[in-house]
């Protein structure tokens, strides 16, 4: 099986996902089939502030938590900004969860991927802890330490020609 991701010279993991403009409600229905989604996550998916990426291919850049001085959302945002990366739309968490198996995420070196967005005081986390393809909503805490096995996901903006 070919890898669906690559590691850049900058030690950032890059992958692409195909955004289809799917709403949070539709994601909740899709994820009910074969994924573990708890009540808090469902609430976030149904939240009116759920945002979708522009339809098309989105390049996602995932910073390795073990390459950061501190494994916090604030530190990840600081480093992402220095690389010209932007905060992802909410649907990136769903796209990553549906695109990658737990095994593939672990092969990247991560136990979980945190697309760095703040939706209603939560972040949606792609979690591999229980080997059950989990998408989990966790309270947003910018200065909490996420540990070495985390990847922080951002978007690499398209260069307009």
C-alpha atoms as a PDB file:
ATOM      1  CA  UNK A   1       0.000   0.000   0.000  1.00  0.00           C
ATOM      2  CA  UNK A   2       1.357   3.416  -0.970  1.00  0.00           C
ATOM      3  CA  UNK A   3       1.687   6.049   1.716  1.00  0.00           C
ATOM      4  CA  UNK A   4      -0.841   8.857   1.442  1.00  0.00           C
ATOM      5  CA  UNK A   5       1.547  11.287   3.109  1.00  0.00           C
ATOM      6  CA  UNK A   6       5.151  12.452   2.938  1.00  0.00           C
ATOM      7  CA  UNK A   7       7.614  14.007   5.332  1.00  0.00           C
ATOM      8  CA  UNK A   8       9.154  17.237   4.105  1.00  0.00           C
ATOM      9  CA  UNK A   9      12.727  18.381   4.636  1.00  0.00           C
ATOM     10  CA  UNK A  10      11.292  20.683   7.304  1.00  0.00           C
ATOM     11  CA  UNK A  11      10.198  17.525   9.263  1.00  0.00           C
ATOM     12  CA  UNK A  12       6.530  18.441   8.699  1.00  0.00           C
ATOM     13  CA  UNK A  13       4.149  15.725   7.490  1.00  0.00           C
ATOM     14  CA  UNK A  14       2.213  16.711   4.355  1.00  0.00           C
ATOM     15  CA  UNK A  15      -0.906  15.104   2.934  1.00  0.00           C
ATOM     16  CA  UNK A  16      -3.859  16.129   0.835  1.00  0.00           C
ATOM     17  CA  UNK A  17      -7.538  15.617   1.474  1.00  0.00           C
ATOM     18  CA  UNK A  18     -10.485  16.247  -0.806  1.00  0.00           C
ATOM     19  CA  UNK A  19     -12.969  18.725   0.624  1.00  0.00           C
ATOM     20  CA  UNK A  20     -16.527  18.341  -0.595  1.00  0.00           C
ATOM     21  CA  UNK A  21     -18.247  21.091   1.402  1.00  0.00           C
ATOM     22  CA  UNK A  22     -19.915  18.577   3.724  1.00  0.00           C
ATOM     23  CA  UNK A  23     -21.756  20.075   6.716  1.00  0.00           C
ATOM     24  CA  UNK A  24     -21.154  19.045  10.304  1.00  0.00           C
ATOM     25  CA  UNK A  25     -24.577  17.373  10.414  1.00  0.00           C
ATOM     26  CA  UNK A  26     -23.729  15.236   7.399  1.00  0.00           C
ATOM     27  CA  UNK A  27     -20.349  14.382   8.932  1.00  0.00           C
ATOM     28  CA  UNK A  28     -22.129  13.236  12.094  1.00  0.00           C
ATOM     29  CA  UNK A  29     -24.273  10.872  10.015  1.00  0.00           C
ATOM     30  CA  UNK A  30     -21.261   9.558   8.056  1.00  0.00           C
ATOM     31  CA  UNK A  31     -19.123   9.062  11.152  1.00  0.00           C
ATOM     32  CA  UNK A  32     -21.911   7.121  12.882  1.00  0.00           C
ATOM     33  CA  UNK A  33     -21.053   4.305  10.450  1.00  0.00           C
ATOM     34  CA  UNK A  34     -17.780   2.712  11.558  1.00  0.00           C
ATOM     35  CA  UNK A  35     -16.304   5.429  13.757  1.00  0.00           C
ATOM     36  CA  UNK A  36     -16.466   6.212  17.438  1.00  0.00           C
ATOM     37  CA  UNK A  37     -18.085   9.598  18.048  1.00  0.00           C
ATOM     38  CA  UNK A  38     -19.260  10.601  21.522  1.00  0.00           C
ATOM     39  CA  UNK A  39     -22.057  12.988  22.489  1.00  0.00           C
ATOM     40  CA  UNK A  40     -19.799  16.021  22.969  1.00  0.00           C
ATOM     41  CA  UNK A  41     -18.299  15.438  19.521  1.00  0.00           C
ATOM     42  CA  UNK A  42     -21.757  15.166  17.986  1.00  0.00           C
ATOM     43  CA  UNK A  43     -22.691  18.494  19.630  1.00  0.00           C
ATOM     44  CA  UNK A  44     -19.648  20.139  18.045  1.00  0.00           C
ATOM     45  CA  UNK A  45     -20.479  18.657  14.638  1.00  0.00           C
ATOM     46  CA  UNK A  46     -24.025  20.083  14.897  1.00  0.00           C
ATOM     47  CA  UNK A  47     -22.773  23.489  16.121  1.00  0.00           C
ATOM     48  CA  UNK A  48     -23.776  26.337  13.805  1.00  0.00           C
ATOM     49  CA  UNK A  49     -20.160  27.564  13.693  1.00  0.00           C
ATOM     50  CA  UNK A  50     -18.897  24.363  12.009  1.00  0.00           C
ATOM     51  CA  UNK A  51     -16.886  25.482   8.970  1.00  0.00           C
ATOM     52  CA  UNK A  52     -16.058  23.684   5.744  1.00  0.00           C
ATOM     53  CA  UNK A  53     -13.038  24.010   3.499  1.00  0.00           C
ATOM     54  CA  UNK A  54     -13.400  25.315  -0.025  1.00  0.00           C
ATOM     55  CA  UNK A  55     -14.383  22.423  -2.295  1.00  0.00           C
ATOM     56  CA  UNK A  56     -11.325  20.815  -3.834  1.00  0.00           C
ATOM     57  CA  UNK A  57      -7.948  19.521  -2.730  1.00  0.00           C
ATOM     58  CA  UNK A  58      -6.584  20.838   0.555  1.00  0.00           C
ATOM     59  CA  UNK A  59      -2.927  20.397   1.520  1.00  0.00           C
ATOM     60  CA  UNK A  60      -2.634  19.633   5.212  1.00  0.00           C
ATOM     61  CA  UNK A  61       0.625  20.157   7.105  1.00  0.00           C
ATOM     62  CA  UNK A  62       1.038  18.303  10.399  1.00  0.00           C
ATOM     63  CA  UNK A  63       3.642  19.563  12.857  1.00  0.00           C
ATOM     64  CA  UNK A  64       5.250  16.868  14.968  1.00  0.00           C
ATOM     65  CA  UNK A  65       4.692  17.511  18.653  1.00  0.00           C
ATOM     66  CA  UNK A  66       8.095  16.029  19.466  1.00  0.00           C
ATOM     67  CA  UNK A  67       9.775  18.694  17.302  1.00  0.00           C
ATOM     68  CA  UNK A  68       8.255  21.556  19.304  1.00  0.00           C
ATOM     69  CA  UNK A  69       9.816  23.056  22.411  1.00  0.00           C
ATOM     70  CA  UNK A  70       6.429  22.658  24.137  1.00  0.00           C
ATOM     71  CA  UNK A  71       3.540  20.520  22.898  1.00  0.00           C
ATOM     72  CA  UNK A  72       0.848  23.170  23.313  1.00  0.00           C
ATOM     73  CA  UNK A  73      -1.662  24.662  20.896  1.00  0.00           C
ATOM     74  CA  UNK A  74      -0.091  28.098  21.438  1.00  0.00           C
ATOM     75  CA  UNK A  75       3.392  26.834  20.517  1.00  0.00           C
ATOM     76  CA  UNK A  76       2.030  24.948  17.498  1.00  0.00           C
ATOM     77  CA  UNK A  77       0.270  28.124  16.296  1.00  0.00           C
ATOM     78  CA  UNK A  78       3.484  30.118  16.676  1.00  0.00           C
ATOM     79  CA  UNK A  79       5.536  27.602  14.670  1.00  0.00           C
ATOM     80  CA  UNK A  80       2.812  27.174  12.027  1.00  0.00           C
ATOM     81  CA  UNK A  81       2.722  30.929  11.470  1.00  0.00           C
ATOM     82  CA  UNK A  82       6.500  30.965  10.918  1.00  0.00           C
ATOM     83  CA  UNK A  83       6.009  28.344   8.150  1.00  0.00           C
ATOM     84  CA  UNK A  84       3.171  30.303   6.513  1.00  0.00           C
ATOM     85  CA  UNK A  85       0.548  27.749   7.568  1.00  0.00           C
ATOM     86  CA  UNK A  86      -3.022  28.695   8.463  1.00  0.00           C
ATOM     87  CA  UNK A  87      -5.633  27.371  10.876  1.00  0.00           C
ATOM     88  CA  UNK A  88      -7.813  24.722   9.251  1.00  0.00           C
ATOM     89  CA  UNK A  89     -11.561  24.788   8.845  1.00  0.00           C
ATOM     90  CA  UNK A  90     -13.434  22.476  11.215  1.00  0.00           C
ATOM     91  CA  UNK A  91     -14.047  19.820   8.561  1.00  0.00           C
ATOM     92  CA  UNK A  92     -10.317  19.023   8.315  1.00  0.00           C
ATOM     93  CA  UNK A  93     -10.625  16.892  11.459  1.00  0.00           C
ATOM     94  CA  UNK A  94     -13.396  14.862   9.807  1.00  0.00           C
ATOM     95  CA  UNK A  95     -11.513  14.595   6.517  1.00  0.00           C
ATOM     96  CA  UNK A  96      -8.364  13.334   8.260  1.00  0.00           C
ATOM     97  CA  UNK A  97     -10.383  10.871  10.345  1.00  0.00           C
ATOM     98  CA  UNK A  98     -12.092   9.434   7.279  1.00  0.00           C
ATOM     99  CA  UNK A  99      -8.919   9.383   5.146  1.00  0.00           C
ATOM    100  CA  UNK A 100      -6.534   7.624   7.552  1.00  0.00           C
ATOM    101  CA  UNK A 101      -6.785   4.446   9.591  1.00  0.00           C
ATOM    102  CA  UNK A 102      -5.388   4.349  13.115  1.00  0.00           C
ATOM    103  CA  UNK A 103      -2.485   2.277  11.773  1.00  0.00           C
ATOM    104  CA  UNK A 104      -1.661   4.895   9.114  1.00  0.00           C
ATOM    105  CA  UNK A 105      -1.756   7.684  11.697  1.00  0.00           C
ATOM    106  CA  UNK A 106       0.580   5.727  13.966  1.00  0.00           C
ATOM    107  CA  UNK A 107       2.923   5.134  11.001  1.00  0.00           C
ATOM    108  CA  UNK A 108       3.255   8.931  10.768  1.00  0.00           C
ATOM    109  CA  UNK A 109       4.464   8.857  14.372  1.00  0.00           C
ATOM    110  CA  UNK A 110       1.275  10.130  16.001  1.00  0.00           C
ATOM    111  CA  UNK A 111      -1.168   8.775  18.555  1.00  0.00           C
ATOM    112  CA  UNK A 112      -3.524  11.637  17.749  1.00  0.00           C
ATOM    113  CA  UNK A 113      -3.818  14.565  15.379  1.00  0.00           C
ATOM    114  CA  UNK A 114      -5.182  17.893  16.541  1.00  0.00           C
ATOM    115  CA  UNK A 115      -6.351  20.200  13.746  1.00  0.00           C
ATOM    116  CA  UNK A 116      -5.779  23.532  15.466  1.00  0.00           C
ATOM    117  CA  UNK A 117      -9.145  25.297  15.404  1.00  0.00           C
ATOM    118  CA  UNK A 118     -11.342  26.574  18.206  1.00  0.00           C
ATOM    119  CA  UNK A 119     -14.986  25.714  17.744  1.00  0.00           C
ATOM    120  CA  UNK A 120     -17.309  26.562  20.583  1.00  0.00           C
ATOM    121  CA  UNK A 121     -14.415  26.139  23.037  1.00  0.00           C
ATOM    122  CA  UNK A 122     -13.436  22.703  21.644  1.00  0.00           C
ATOM    123  CA  UNK A 123     -11.029  21.107  19.207  1.00  0.00           C
ATOM    124  CA  UNK A 124     -11.914  17.971  17.254  1.00  0.00           C
ATOM    125  CA  UNK A 125      -9.155  15.405  17.743  1.00  0.00           C
ATOM    126  CA  UNK A 126      -8.384  12.428  15.510  1.00  0.00           C
ATOM    127  CA  UNK A 127      -7.577   9.850  18.177  1.00  0.00           C
ATOM    128  CA  UNK A 128      -5.999   6.375  17.865  1.00  0.00           C
ATOM    129  CA  UNK A 129      -5.872   5.431  21.554  1.00  0.00           C
ATOM    130  CA  UNK A 130      -8.670   2.874  21.527  1.00  0.00           C
ATOM    131  CA  UNK A 131      -8.008   1.549  17.985  1.00  0.00           C
ATOM    132  CA  UNK A 132     -11.591   2.353  17.067  1.00  0.00           C
ATOM    133  CA  UNK A 133     -11.259   5.219  14.580  1.00  0.00           C
ATOM    134  CA  UNK A 134     -12.250   7.847  17.126  1.00  0.00           C
ATOM    135  CA  UNK A 135     -13.079  11.509  16.524  1.00  0.00           C
ATOM    136  CA  UNK A 136     -13.233  13.257  19.862  1.00  0.00           C
ATOM    137  CA  UNK A 137     -14.136  16.793  20.946  1.00  0.00           C
ATOM    138  CA  UNK A 138     -11.816  18.053  23.682  1.00  0.00           C
ATOM    139  CA  UNK A 139     -12.042  21.430  25.463  1.00  0.00           C
ATOM    140  CA  UNK A 140      -9.720  23.985  23.837  1.00  0.00           C
ATOM    141  CA  UNK A 141      -6.861  24.813  26.182  1.00  0.00           C
ATOM    142  CA  UNK A 142      -4.118  26.746  24.437  1.00  0.00           C
ATOM    143  CA  UNK A 143      -1.461  26.178  27.070  1.00  0.00           C
ATOM    144  CA  UNK A 144      -2.116  22.508  27.940  1.00  0.00           C
ATOM    145  CA  UNK A 145       0.593  20.001  27.061  1.00  0.00           C
ATOM    146  CA  UNK A 146      -0.600  17.405  24.514  1.00  0.00           C
ATOM    147  CA  UNK A 147       2.451  15.122  24.791  1.00  0.00           C
ATOM    148  CA  UNK A 148       5.101  13.981  22.338  1.00  0.00           C
ATOM    149  CA  UNK A 149       2.849  11.698  20.257  1.00  0.00           C
ATOM    150  CA  UNK A 150       0.616  14.491  19.016  1.00  0.00           C
ATOM    151  CA  UNK A 151       0.515  16.037  15.562  1.00  0.00           C
ATOM    152  CA  UNK A 152      -0.864  19.555  15.111  1.00  0.00           C
ATOM    153  CA  UNK A 153      -2.644  19.975  11.758  1.00  0.00           C
ATOM    154  CA  UNK A 154      -2.729  23.183   9.744  1.00  0.00           C
ATOM    155  CA  UNK A 155      -3.404  24.079   6.127  1.00  0.00           C
ATOM    156  CA  UNK A 156      -0.778  25.044   3.601  1.00  0.00           C
ATOM    157  CA  UNK A 157      -2.423  27.833   1.579  1.00  0.00           C
ATOM    158  CA  UNK A 158      -2.581  27.456  -2.182  1.00  0.00           C
ATOM    159  CA  UNK A 159      -0.361  29.845  -4.078  1.00  0.00           C
ATOM    160  CA  UNK A 160      -2.493  31.836  -6.490  1.00  0.00           C
ATOM    161  CA  UNK A 161      -1.023  32.104  -9.995  1.00  0.00           C
END
